[in-house]
Every structure is written in C-alpha cells, then in structure tokens.
Amino acid sequence: QVQLVESGGGLVQPGESLRLSCLVSGFRLDAYAIGWFRQAPGKNREGVICISPGISVGDGNTFYQDDVKGRFTVSRDNDKSTVYLQMNSLKAEDTAVYYCAADPDVPIQVLCGPYEYHHWGQGTQVTVSS
C-alpha cells in the first residue's frame, strides 16, 4: 500500500526557513516521480517542485515553480524513503497546505501537473506571518 506522510510544517516569520519531510512507504522511492504541491485558501493546488524518478535529484528532471526558484530546494534520501523540501527566505504568500505526491508514470512535459499524481499525503500547514 502506497503511503506518504508529510511533516515539518509550522508557523514562521517572513525570511525564515522550514524543512518539510515526506516519508513514503509501499514503493521504491527512486522508481517514482515525486512532487511537492501547495494549496492556499481559495486557490487551486499548484506544483512547487517536482522530480522525476532516479537515485538522486540530479539523475532526472526537476521542475521548479518560478516563484520558488533560488529559495526552495528538494532532496531525496532513498535509504530513509524520505523526500525533503527545504524552504528558505519564506514569504507570506508561501502560506499554504503543502502536500507531497507520488506516481510511477508522470510524463516529463507535465512533471508538476497535480492531475498526474495518484498518491497523496495528508498535507502539512505552513504559515508565514509576522
């Protein structure tokens, strides 16, 4: 059974950092595309960073939403079955529920398309406020 569990969310001030974790089970982490998505109140779910299957992030393709380039990074530890989202220089507009998702068959052209992913975690709230 495929499961994903996010953790690490919380309340931070603008400019601070957070690291989210996504612990997966039921599948080989390096065989699946992994996406970090977020959904703010009243908005559609959007892709933040998505990575194609591989041993390490650099093995395949990575999609970054323009707004997070230079601030957010993704990494994976296959031995720990965990994917991390490091978020630096957080802004108020980063406030959202953050989800990780996985799927074994995501076309590269839509690597961060929410509808391409069939396995989702429950989400973790990130609030950036002074």
Foldseek 3Di string as FASTA:
>chain_A
DKAWAKDWADEAAAQAKTKMKIAIDDDQQLQKKKWKWWDDPPDDIWTAKIAGHHPWRVPGDMDHDPVQVPFWDWIDDRVRNMIMIIGGRDDQVVWTWMKMFIDNDDDPVPRTPPVRTDYIHPTDTHGYHD
